[in-house]
């Protein structure tokens, strides 16, 4: 999974999460999966019924992304404190 962002007039992509070789959701469901992950990350309820397997995978991936974001904030905060202390 990647996140696209703009720096000046260039579009860059950053890998957020490698789903790995064991990722078993069929390609035709990737759109539903990514929409649900985005909804979870933005604290939006699921308005439409979704396959239990896709919902479970979306919850798992969203949890991993949130944990990674939290850890990154902690690292950046420690890094800033080290720079300020110098």
C-alpha atoms as a PDB file:
ATOM      1  CA  UNK A   1       0.000   0.000   0.000  1.00  0.00           C
ATOM      2  CA  UNK A   2       1.310   3.413  -0.923  1.00  0.00           C
ATOM      3  CA  UNK A   3       0.384   6.976  -0.119  1.00  0.00           C
ATOM      4  CA  UNK A   4       0.694   9.625  -2.817  1.00  0.00           C
ATOM      5  CA  UNK A   5       1.620  13.182  -1.916  1.00  0.00           C
ATOM      6  CA  UNK A   6       2.795  16.283  -3.689  1.00  0.00           C
ATOM      7  CA  UNK A   7       6.085  18.102  -3.187  1.00  0.00           C
ATOM      8  CA  UNK A   8       6.003  21.265  -5.251  1.00  0.00           C
ATOM      9  CA  UNK A   9       4.729  20.208  -8.648  1.00  0.00           C
ATOM     10  CA  UNK A  10       5.932  16.595  -8.353  1.00  0.00           C
ATOM     11  CA  UNK A  11       3.884  13.649  -7.115  1.00  0.00           C
ATOM     12  CA  UNK A  12       5.742  11.238  -4.838  1.00  0.00           C
ATOM     13  CA  UNK A  13       4.718   7.922  -3.332  1.00  0.00           C
ATOM     14  CA  UNK A  14       5.685   6.458   0.004  1.00  0.00           C
ATOM     15  CA  UNK A  15       5.171   2.808   0.877  1.00  0.00           C
ATOM     16  CA  UNK A  16       2.928   2.581   3.913  1.00  0.00           C
ATOM     17  CA  UNK A  17       2.673  -1.161   4.254  1.00  0.00           C
ATOM     18  CA  UNK A  18       3.897  -4.194   2.331  1.00  0.00           C
ATOM     19  CA  UNK A  19       1.006  -6.631   2.210  1.00  0.00           C
ATOM     20  CA  UNK A  20       3.365  -9.539   1.646  1.00  0.00           C
ATOM     21  CA  UNK A  21       3.203 -12.746  -0.347  1.00  0.00           C
ATOM     22  CA  UNK A  22       0.562 -14.225   1.955  1.00  0.00           C
ATOM     23  CA  UNK A  23      -2.015 -11.539   1.042  1.00  0.00           C
ATOM     24  CA  UNK A  24      -5.033 -13.537  -0.070  1.00  0.00           C
ATOM     25  CA  UNK A  25      -7.740 -11.000  -0.954  1.00  0.00           C
ATOM     26  CA  UNK A  26      -8.549 -11.366  -4.677  1.00  0.00           C
ATOM     27  CA  UNK A  27      -7.700  -8.359  -6.826  1.00  0.00           C
ATOM     28  CA  UNK A  28     -11.366  -7.648  -7.666  1.00  0.00           C
ATOM     29  CA  UNK A  29     -11.970  -6.797  -3.972  1.00  0.00           C
ATOM     30  CA  UNK A  30      -8.993  -4.461  -3.536  1.00  0.00           C
ATOM     31  CA  UNK A  31     -11.135  -1.375  -4.208  1.00  0.00           C
ATOM     32  CA  UNK A  32     -13.615  -2.337  -1.472  1.00  0.00           C
ATOM     33  CA  UNK A  33     -10.746  -3.176   0.860  1.00  0.00           C
ATOM     34  CA  UNK A  34      -8.909   0.116   0.358  1.00  0.00           C
ATOM     35  CA  UNK A  35     -12.145   2.116   0.686  1.00  0.00           C
ATOM     36  CA  UNK A  36     -12.896   0.376   3.980  1.00  0.00           C
ATOM     37  CA  UNK A  37      -9.349   0.912   5.282  1.00  0.00           C
ATOM     38  CA  UNK A  38      -9.616   4.610   4.477  1.00  0.00           C
ATOM     39  CA  UNK A  39     -12.992   4.798   6.225  1.00  0.00           C
ATOM     40  CA  UNK A  40     -11.568   3.106   9.330  1.00  0.00           C
ATOM     41  CA  UNK A  41      -8.596   5.486   9.392  1.00  0.00           C
ATOM     42  CA  UNK A  42     -10.982   8.457   9.203  1.00  0.00           C
ATOM     43  CA  UNK A  43     -13.282   7.006  11.901  1.00  0.00           C
ATOM     44  CA  UNK A  44     -16.208   6.590   9.494  1.00  0.00           C
ATOM     45  CA  UNK A  45     -18.756   3.820  10.010  1.00  0.00           C
ATOM     46  CA  UNK A  46     -19.301   1.083   7.448  1.00  0.00           C
ATOM     47  CA  UNK A  47     -22.587   1.964   5.753  1.00  0.00           C
ATOM     48  CA  UNK A  48     -22.777  -0.966   3.344  1.00  0.00           C
ATOM     49  CA  UNK A  49     -22.584  -4.672   4.139  1.00  0.00           C
ATOM     50  CA  UNK A  50     -19.106  -6.021   3.518  1.00  0.00           C
ATOM     51  CA  UNK A  51     -17.773  -9.554   3.309  1.00  0.00           C
ATOM     52  CA  UNK A  52     -16.498 -10.650   6.745  1.00  0.00           C
ATOM     53  CA  UNK A  53     -13.082 -11.584   5.325  1.00  0.00           C
ATOM     54  CA  UNK A  54     -12.625  -8.157   3.730  1.00  0.00           C
ATOM     55  CA  UNK A  55     -13.792  -6.396   6.905  1.00  0.00           C
ATOM     56  CA  UNK A  56     -11.389  -8.416   9.047  1.00  0.00           C
ATOM     57  CA  UNK A  57      -8.490  -7.721   6.680  1.00  0.00           C
ATOM     58  CA  UNK A  58      -9.369  -4.008   6.555  1.00  0.00           C
ATOM     59  CA  UNK A  59      -9.414  -3.863  10.364  1.00  0.00           C
ATOM     60  CA  UNK A  60      -6.053  -5.666  10.550  1.00  0.00           C
ATOM     61  CA  UNK A  61      -4.378  -3.427   7.985  1.00  0.00           C
ATOM     62  CA  UNK A  62      -5.822  -0.227   9.497  1.00  0.00           C
ATOM     63  CA  UNK A  63      -4.544  -1.286  12.936  1.00  0.00           C
ATOM     64  CA  UNK A  64      -1.070  -1.860  11.493  1.00  0.00           C
ATOM     65  CA  UNK A  65      -1.099   1.530   9.783  1.00  0.00           C
ATOM     66  CA  UNK A  66      -2.263   3.324  12.938  1.00  0.00           C
ATOM     67  CA  UNK A  67       0.398   1.581  15.025  1.00  0.00           C
ATOM     68  CA  UNK A  68       3.080   2.452  12.489  1.00  0.00           C
ATOM     69  CA  UNK A  69       1.947   6.097  12.468  1.00  0.00           C
ATOM     70  CA  UNK A  70       2.007   6.201  16.280  1.00  0.00           C
ATOM     71  CA  UNK A  71       5.512   4.707  16.372  1.00  0.00           C
ATOM     72  CA  UNK A  72       6.708   7.182  13.722  1.00  0.00           C
ATOM     73  CA  UNK A  73       5.415  10.103  15.819  1.00  0.00           C
ATOM     74  CA  UNK A  74       7.289   8.735  18.832  1.00  0.00           C
ATOM     75  CA  UNK A  75      10.534   8.411  16.832  1.00  0.00           C
ATOM     76  CA  UNK A  76      10.168  11.911  15.361  1.00  0.00           C
ATOM     77  CA  UNK A  77       9.498  13.387  18.808  1.00  0.00           C
ATOM     78  CA  UNK A  78      12.611  11.726  20.258  1.00  0.00           C
ATOM     79  CA  UNK A  79      14.626  12.884  17.250  1.00  0.00           C
ATOM     80  CA  UNK A  80      13.446  16.503  17.722  1.00  0.00           C
ATOM     81  CA  UNK A  81      14.312  16.386  21.420  1.00  0.00           C
ATOM     82  CA  UNK A  82      17.835  15.190  20.606  1.00  0.00           C
ATOM     83  CA  UNK A  83      18.327  18.024  18.137  1.00  0.00           C
ATOM     84  CA  UNK A  84      17.036  20.619  20.605  1.00  0.00           C
ATOM     85  CA  UNK A  85      19.307  19.242  23.357  1.00  0.00           C
ATOM     86  CA  UNK A  86      22.429  19.770  21.206  1.00  0.00           C
END
